[in-house]
Amino acid sequence: MGIGSLLMGRMIDESEAAGIWTLQSSVFCDNTASIKLQEKHGFRILGKRERIAFDERIGKWRDTYYMERRSRSVGQ
């Protein structure tokens, strides 16, 4: 339905209206849907954080990607 994309677009619009020029996120490396959504909206992977989140459901440490989006209009 595209609700994720609608919400992401709204968050970006609202953040830029408030003068925020950088958005940051942390996402599990295997969450390809979220990574693709964020990349579609201008986020890029800046790095990988190893063993940063312990997942009690599966009993192991998980890695995350650190992602960032910089505004093309705010802060120029």
PDB file of N, CA and C in Angstrom:
ATOM      1  N   MET A   1       0.809  -1.205   0.000  1.00  0.00           N
ATOM      2  CA  MET A   1       0.000   0.000   0.000  1.00  0.00           C
ATOM      3  C   MET A   1       0.847   1.262   0.000  1.00  0.00           C
ATOM      4  N   GLY A   2       2.105   1.165   0.380  1.00  0.00           N
ATOM      5  CA  GLY A   2       2.971   2.328   0.362  1.00  0.00           C
ATOM      6  C   GLY A   2       2.884   3.201   1.597  1.00  0.00           C
ATOM      7  N   ILE A   3       2.309   2.683   2.683  1.00  0.00           N
ATOM      8  CA  ILE A   3       2.159   3.496   3.891  1.00  0.00           C
ATOM      9  C   ILE A   3       3.515   3.876   4.482  1.00  0.00           C
ATOM     10  N   GLY A   4       4.488   2.961   4.408  1.00  0.00           N
ATOM     11  CA  GLY A   4       5.821   3.270   4.925  1.00  0.00           C
ATOM     12  C   GLY A   4       6.438   4.445   4.190  1.00  0.00           C
ATOM     13  N   SER A   5       6.283   4.453   2.884  1.00  0.00           N
ATOM     14  CA  SER A   5       6.823   5.542   2.075  1.00  0.00           C
ATOM     15  C   SER A   5       6.105   6.858   2.359  1.00  0.00           C
ATOM     16  N   LEU A   6       4.782   6.786   2.549  1.00  0.00           N
ATOM     17  CA  LEU A   6       4.029   7.997   2.898  1.00  0.00           C
ATOM     18  C   LEU A   6       4.481   8.561   4.238  1.00  0.00           C
ATOM     19  N   LEU A   7       4.642   7.687   5.227  1.00  0.00           N
ATOM     20  CA  LEU A   7       5.079   8.131   6.544  1.00  0.00           C
ATOM     21  C   LEU A   7       6.502   8.685   6.512  1.00  0.00           C
ATOM     22  N   MET A   8       7.389   8.027   5.772  1.00  0.00           N
ATOM     23  CA  MET A   8       8.768   8.500   5.666  1.00  0.00           C
ATOM     24  C   MET A   8       8.802   9.872   5.008  1.00  0.00           C
ATOM     25  N   GLY A   9       8.036  10.034   3.939  1.00  0.00           N
ATOM     26  CA  GLY A   9       7.981  11.332   3.266  1.00  0.00           C
ATOM     27  C   GLY A   9       7.473  12.426   4.180  1.00  0.00           C
ATOM     28  N   ARG A  10       6.463  12.111   4.956  1.00  0.00           N
ATOM     29  CA  ARG A  10       5.905  13.093   5.897  1.00  0.00           C
ATOM     30  C   ARG A  10       6.926  13.460   6.968  1.00  0.00           C
ATOM     31  N   MET A  11       7.643  12.465   7.484  1.00  0.00           N
ATOM     32  CA  MET A  11       8.663  12.737   8.497  1.00  0.00           C
ATOM     33  C   MET A  11       9.755  13.649   7.932  1.00  0.00           C
ATOM     34  N   ILE A  12      10.165  13.382   6.709  1.00  0.00           N
ATOM     35  CA  ILE A  12      11.198  14.204   6.074  1.00  0.00           C
ATOM     36  C   ILE A  12      10.692  15.625   5.878  1.00  0.00           C
ATOM     37  N   ASP A  13       9.476  15.767   5.351  1.00  0.00           N
ATOM     38  CA  ASP A  13       8.897  17.102   5.147  1.00  0.00           C
ATOM     39  C   ASP A  13       8.803  17.873   6.461  1.00  0.00           C
ATOM     40  N   GLU A  14       8.309  17.222   7.503  1.00  0.00           N
ATOM     41  CA  GLU A  14       8.162  17.886   8.799  1.00  0.00           C
ATOM     42  C   GLU A  14       9.515  18.256   9.400  1.00  0.00           C
ATOM     43  N   SER A  15      10.496  17.381   9.262  1.00  0.00           N
ATOM     44  CA  SER A  15      11.817  17.680   9.824  1.00  0.00           C
ATOM     45  C   SER A  15      12.453  18.864   9.105  1.00  0.00           C
ATOM     46  N   GLU A  16      12.306  18.914   7.792  1.00  0.00           N
ATOM     47  CA  GLU A  16      12.878  20.035   7.047  1.00  0.00           C
ATOM     48  C   GLU A  16      12.142  21.339   7.353  1.00  0.00           C
ATOM     49  N   ALA A  17      10.830  21.264   7.534  1.00  0.00           N
ATOM     50  CA  ALA A  17      10.065  22.461   7.909  1.00  0.00           C
ATOM     51  C   ALA A  17      10.511  22.997   9.267  1.00  0.00           C
ATOM     52  N   ALA A  18      10.994  22.093  10.116  1.00  0.00           N
ATOM     53  CA  ALA A  18      11.477  22.491  11.449  1.00  0.00           C
ATOM     54  C   ALA A  18      12.961  22.892  11.430  1.00  0.00           C
ATOM     55  N   GLY A  19      13.591  22.846  10.259  1.00  0.00           N
ATOM     56  CA  GLY A  19      14.987  23.251  10.146  1.00  0.00           C
ATOM     57  C   GLY A  19      15.991  22.160  10.465  1.00  0.00           C
ATOM     58  N   ILE A  20      15.536  20.918  10.535  1.00  0.00           N
ATOM     59  CA  ILE A  20      16.435  19.796  10.824  1.00  0.00           C
ATOM     60  C   ILE A  20      17.064  19.333   9.517  1.00  0.00           C
ATOM     61  N   TRP A  21      18.387  19.281   9.478  1.00  0.00           N
ATOM     62  CA  TRP A  21      19.061  18.944   8.222  1.00  0.00           C
ATOM     63  C   TRP A  21      19.630  17.535   8.185  1.00  0.00           C
ATOM     64  N   THR A  22      19.663  16.840   9.315  1.00  0.00           N
ATOM     65  CA  THR A  22      20.194  15.478   9.333  1.00  0.00           C
ATOM     66  C   THR A  22      19.242  14.561  10.100  1.00  0.00           C
ATOM     67  N   LEU A  23      18.899  13.432   9.487  1.00  0.00           N
ATOM     68  CA  LEU A  23      18.133  12.375  10.143  1.00  0.00           C
ATOM     69  C   LEU A  23      19.033  11.154  10.236  1.00  0.00           C
ATOM     70  N   GLN A  24      18.984  10.465  11.353  1.00  0.00           N
ATOM     71  CA  GLN A  24      19.819   9.285  11.565  1.00  0.00           C
ATOM     72  C   GLN A  24      18.946   8.112  11.975  1.00  0.00           C
ATOM     73  N   SER A  25      19.391   6.923  11.621  1.00  0.00           N
ATOM     74  CA  SER A  25      18.666   5.722  12.037  1.00  0.00           C
ATOM     75  C   SER A  25      19.639   4.581  12.264  1.00  0.00           C
ATOM     76  N   SER A  26      19.141   3.581  12.959  1.00  0.00           N
ATOM     77  CA  SER A  26      19.875   2.344  13.169  1.00  0.00           C
ATOM     78  C   SER A  26      18.913   1.218  12.815  1.00  0.00           C
ATOM     79  N   VAL A  27      19.351   0.297  11.958  1.00  0.00           N
ATOM     80  CA  VAL A  27      18.464  -0.755  11.478  1.00  0.00           C
ATOM     81  C   VAL A  27      19.231  -2.079  11.464  1.00  0.00           C
ATOM     82  N   PHE A  28      18.533  -3.167  11.827  1.00  0.00           N
ATOM     83  CA  PHE A  28      19.173  -4.476  11.758  1.00  0.00           C
ATOM     84  C   PHE A  28      19.616  -4.748  10.321  1.00  0.00           C
ATOM     85  N   CYS A  29      20.797  -5.304  10.175  1.00  0.00           N
ATOM     86  CA  CYS A  29      21.393  -5.520   8.852  1.00  0.00           C
ATOM     87  C   CYS A  29      20.550  -6.425   7.951  1.00  0.00           C
ATOM     88  N   ASP A  30      19.758  -7.305   8.550  1.00  0.00           N
ATOM     89  CA  ASP A  30      18.949  -8.212   7.737  1.00  0.00           C
ATOM     90  C   ASP A  30      17.541  -7.674   7.456  1.00  0.00           C
ATOM     91  N   ASN A  31      17.256  -6.452   7.862  1.00  0.00           N
ATOM     92  CA  ASN A  31      15.949  -5.838   7.624  1.00  0.00           C
ATOM     93  C   ASN A  31      15.965  -5.128   6.269  1.00  0.00           C
ATOM     94  N   THR A  32      15.982  -5.923   5.217  1.00  0.00           N
ATOM     95  CA  THR A  32      16.146  -5.369   3.865  1.00  0.00           C
ATOM     96  C   THR A  32      15.009  -4.444   3.456  1.00  0.00           C
ATOM     97  N   ALA A  33      13.796  -4.710   3.905  1.00  0.00           N
ATOM     98  CA  ALA A  33      12.670  -3.844   3.538  1.00  0.00           C
ATOM     99  C   ALA A  33      12.870  -2.427   4.078  1.00  0.00           C
ATOM    100  N   SER A  34      13.287  -2.318   5.339  1.00  0.00           N
ATOM    101  CA  SER A  34      13.516  -1.007   5.941  1.00  0.00           C
ATOM    102  C   SER A  34      14.710  -0.304   5.292  1.00  0.00           C
ATOM    103  N   ILE A  35      15.744  -1.051   5.004  1.00  0.00           N
ATOM    104  CA  ILE A  35      16.928  -0.473   4.355  1.00  0.00           C
ATOM    105  C   ILE A  35      16.550   0.084   2.980  1.00  0.00           C
ATOM    106  N   LYS A  36      15.807  -0.687   2.199  1.00  0.00           N
ATOM    107  CA  LYS A  36      15.376  -0.227   0.869  1.00  0.00           C
ATOM    108  C   LYS A  36      14.486   1.009   0.963  1.00  0.00           C
ATOM    109  N   LEU A  37      13.573   1.024   1.934  1.00  0.00           N
ATOM    110  CA  LEU A  37      12.699   2.182   2.117  1.00  0.00           C
ATOM    111  C   LEU A  37      13.518   3.424   2.435  1.00  0.00           C
ATOM    112  N   GLN A  38      14.453   3.282   3.355  1.00  0.00           N
ATOM    113  CA  GLN A  38      15.262   4.432   3.733  1.00  0.00           C
ATOM    114  C   GLN A  38      16.136   4.902   2.572  1.00  0.00           C
ATOM    115  N   GLU A  39      16.727   3.982   1.845  1.00  0.00           N
ATOM    116  CA  GLU A  39      17.549   4.364   0.695  1.00  0.00           C
ATOM    117  C   GLU A  39      16.709   5.076  -0.364  1.00  0.00           C
ATOM    118  N   LYS A  40      15.472   4.624  -0.543  1.00  0.00           N
ATOM    119  CA  LYS A  40      14.556   5.265  -1.501  1.00  0.00           C
ATOM    120  C   LYS A  40      14.339   6.730  -1.144  1.00  0.00           C
ATOM    121  N   HIS A  41      14.426   7.049   0.140  1.00  0.00           N
ATOM    122  CA  HIS A  41      14.189   8.415   0.613  1.00  0.00           C
ATOM    123  C   HIS A  41      15.478   9.169   0.934  1.00  0.00           C
ATOM    124  N   GLY A  42      16.584   8.695   0.406  1.00  0.00           N
ATOM    125  CA  GLY A  42      17.822   9.454   0.504  1.00  0.00           C
ATOM    126  C   GLY A  42      18.750   9.100   1.645  1.00  0.00           C
ATOM    127  N   PHE A  43      18.424   8.083   2.424  1.00  0.00           N
ATOM    128  CA  PHE A  43      19.335   7.641   3.475  1.00  0.00           C
ATOM    129  C   PHE A  43      20.469   6.830   2.848  1.00  0.00           C
ATOM    130  N   ARG A  44      21.614   6.841   3.504  1.00  0.00           N
ATOM    131  CA  ARG A  44      22.731   6.005   3.069  1.00  0.00           C
ATOM    132  C   ARG A  44      23.348   5.337   4.285  1.00  0.00           C
ATOM    133  N   ILE A  45      23.939   4.187   4.041  1.00  0.00           N
ATOM    134  CA  ILE A  45      24.603   3.449   5.110  1.00  0.00           C
ATOM    135  C   ILE A  45      25.965   4.085   5.355  1.00  0.00           C
ATOM    136  N   LEU A  46      26.208   4.480   6.602  1.00  0.00           N
ATOM    137  CA  LEU A  46      27.489   5.078   6.963  1.00  0.00           C
ATOM    138  C   LEU A  46      28.422   4.082   7.627  1.00  0.00           C
ATOM    139  N   GLY A  47      27.847   3.067   8.245  1.00  0.00           N
ATOM    140  CA  GLY A  47      28.698   2.097   8.917  1.00  0.00           C
ATOM    141  C   GLY A  47      27.886   0.961   9.506  1.00  0.00           C
ATOM    142  N   LYS A  48      28.621  -0.004   9.995  1.00  0.00           N
ATOM    143  CA  LYS A  48      28.018  -1.183  10.605  1.00  0.00           C
ATOM    144  C   LYS A  48      28.463  -1.249  12.059  1.00  0.00           C
ATOM    145  N   ARG A  49      27.496  -1.421  12.956  1.00  0.00           N
ATOM    146  CA  ARG A  49      27.792  -1.579  14.376  1.00  0.00           C
ATOM    147  C   ARG A  49      27.614  -3.049  14.710  1.00  0.00           C
ATOM    148  N   GLU A  50      28.702  -3.688  15.098  1.00  0.00           N
ATOM    149  CA  GLU A  50      28.684  -5.129  15.348  1.00  0.00           C
ATOM    150  C   GLU A  50      28.287  -5.434  16.783  1.00  0.00           C
ATOM    151  N   ARG A  51      27.457  -6.477  16.919  1.00  0.00           N
ATOM    152  CA  ARG A  51      27.025  -6.973  18.232  1.00  0.00           C
ATOM    153  C   ARG A  51      26.518  -5.835  19.117  1.00  0.00           C
ATOM    154  N   ILE A  52      25.598  -5.051  18.602  1.00  0.00           N
ATOM    155  CA  ILE A  52      25.115  -3.885  19.331  1.00  0.00           C
ATOM    156  C   ILE A  52      23.778  -4.127  20.024  1.00  0.00           C
ATOM    157  N   ALA A  53      23.032  -5.128  19.564  1.00  0.00           N
ATOM    158  CA  ALA A  53      21.698  -5.370  20.128  1.00  0.00           C
ATOM    159  C   ALA A  53      21.524  -6.856  20.416  1.00  0.00           C
ATOM    160  N   PHE A  54      21.216  -7.184  21.661  1.00  0.00           N
ATOM    161  CA  PHE A  54      20.994  -8.579  22.011  1.00  0.00           C
ATOM    162  C   PHE A  54      19.529  -8.927  21.791  1.00  0.00           C
ATOM    163  N   ASP A  55      19.288  -9.945  21.002  1.00  0.00           N
ATOM    164  CA  ASP A  55      17.932 -10.395  20.682  1.00  0.00           C
ATOM    165  C   ASP A  55      17.614 -11.610  21.547  1.00  0.00           C
ATOM    166  N   GLU A  56      16.827 -11.392  22.590  1.00  0.00           N
ATOM    167  CA  GLU A  56      16.508 -12.467  23.522  1.00  0.00           C
ATOM    168  C   GLU A  56      15.681 -13.576  22.878  1.00  0.00           C
ATOM    169  N   ARG A  57      14.917 -13.252  21.851  1.00  0.00           N
ATOM    170  CA  ARG A  57      14.094 -14.266  21.187  1.00  0.00           C
ATOM    171  C   ARG A  57      14.934 -15.367  20.562  1.00  0.00           C
ATOM    172  N   ILE A  58      16.084 -14.993  20.028  1.00  0.00           N
ATOM    173  CA  ILE A  58      16.947 -15.981  19.369  1.00  0.00           C
ATOM    174  C   ILE A  58      18.241 -16.235  20.124  1.00  0.00           C
ATOM    175  N   GLY A  59      18.456 -15.485  21.201  1.00  0.00           N
ATOM    176  CA  GLY A  59      19.609 -15.708  22.058  1.00  0.00           C
ATOM    177  C   GLY A  59      20.950 -15.356  21.446  1.00  0.00           C
ATOM    178  N   LYS A  60      20.984 -14.306  20.611  1.00  0.00           N
ATOM    179  CA  LYS A  60      22.271 -13.901  20.052  1.00  0.00           C
ATOM    180  C   LYS A  60      22.330 -12.394  19.830  1.00  0.00           C
ATOM    181  N   TRP A  61      23.554 -11.911  19.707  1.00  0.00           N
ATOM    182  CA  TRP A  61      23.808 -10.507  19.425  1.00  0.00           C
ATOM    183  C   TRP A  61      23.589 -10.245  17.946  1.00  0.00           C
ATOM    184  N   ARG A  62      23.082  -9.042  17.644  1.00  0.00           N
ATOM    185  CA  ARG A  62      22.816  -8.685  16.249  1.00  0.00           C
ATOM    186  C   ARG A  62      23.562  -7.423  15.873  1.00  0.00           C
ATOM    187  N   ASP A  63      23.874  -7.319  14.592  1.00  0.00           N
ATOM    188  CA  ASP A  63      24.541  -6.148  14.041  1.00  0.00           C
ATOM    189  C   ASP A  63      23.490  -5.173  13.494  1.00  0.00           C
ATOM    190  N   THR A  64      23.841  -3.896  13.489  1.00  0.00           N
ATOM    191  CA  THR A  64      22.971  -2.891  12.885  1.00  0.00           C
ATOM    192  C   THR A  64      23.772  -2.025  11.924  1.00  0.00           C
ATOM    193  N   TYR A  65      23.061  -1.466  10.949  1.00  0.00           N
ATOM    194  CA  TYR A  65      23.637  -0.438  10.084  1.00  0.00           C
ATOM    195  C   TYR A  65      23.268   0.916  10.665  1.00  0.00           C
ATOM    196  N   TYR A  66      24.215   1.831  10.621  1.00  0.00           N
ATOM    197  CA  TYR A  66      23.983   3.222  10.987  1.00  0.00           C
ATOM    198  C   TYR A  66      23.708   3.957   9.684  1.00  0.00           C
ATOM    199  N   MET A  67      22.532   4.583   9.587  1.00  0.00           N
ATOM    200  CA  MET A  67      22.134   5.244   8.348  1.00  0.00           C
ATOM    201  C   MET A  67      21.869   6.725   8.605  1.00  0.00           C
ATOM    202  N   GLU A  68      22.017   7.517   7.545  1.00  0.00           N
ATOM    203  CA  GLU A  68      21.853   8.965   7.674  1.00  0.00           C
ATOM    204  C   GLU A  68      21.265   9.540   6.391  1.00  0.00           C
ATOM    205  N   ARG A  69      20.466  10.585   6.585  1.00  0.00           N
ATOM    206  CA  ARG A  69      19.945  11.361   5.445  1.00  0.00           C
ATOM    207  C   ARG A  69      20.208  12.832   5.727  1.00  0.00           C
ATOM    208  N   ARG A  70      20.821  13.489   4.762  1.00  0.00           N
ATOM    209  CA  ARG A  70      21.054  14.927   4.879  1.00  0.00           C
ATOM    210  C   ARG A  70      20.141  15.662   3.924  1.00  0.00           C
ATOM    211  N   SER A  71      19.551  16.733   4.407  1.00  0.00           N
ATOM    212  CA  SER A  71      18.623  17.518   3.603  1.00  0.00           C
ATOM    213  C   SER A  71      19.346  18.196   2.443  1.00  0.00           C
ATOM    214  N   ARG A  72      18.660  18.294   1.342  1.00  0.00           N
ATOM    215  CA  ARG A  72      19.208  19.012   0.192  1.00  0.00           C
ATOM    216  C   ARG A  72      18.795  20.479   0.217  1.00  0.00           C
ATOM    217  N   SER A  73      17.889  20.849   1.155  1.00  0.00           N
ATOM    218  CA  SER A  73      17.401  22.220   1.199  1.00  0.00           C
ATOM    219  C   SER A  73      17.730  22.945   2.503  1.00  0.00           C
ATOM    220  N   VAL A  74      17.767  22.246   3.613  1.00  0.00           N
ATOM    221  CA  VAL A  74      18.048  22.873   4.908  1.00  0.00           C
ATOM    222  C   VAL A  74      19.552  22.867   5.149  1.00  0.00           C
ATOM    223  N   GLY A  75      20.069  23.995   5.620  1.00  0.00           N
ATOM    224  CA  GLY A  75      21.475  24.069   5.972  1.00  0.00           C
ATOM    225  C   GLY A  75      22.413  24.299   4.800  1.00  0.00           C
ATOM    226  N   GLN A  76      21.876  24.713   3.695  1.00  0.00           N
ATOM    227  CA  GLN A  76      22.723  24.953   2.505  1.00  0.00           C
ATOM    228  C   GLN A  76      23.288  26.344   2.478  1.00  0.00           C
TER     229      GLN A  76
END
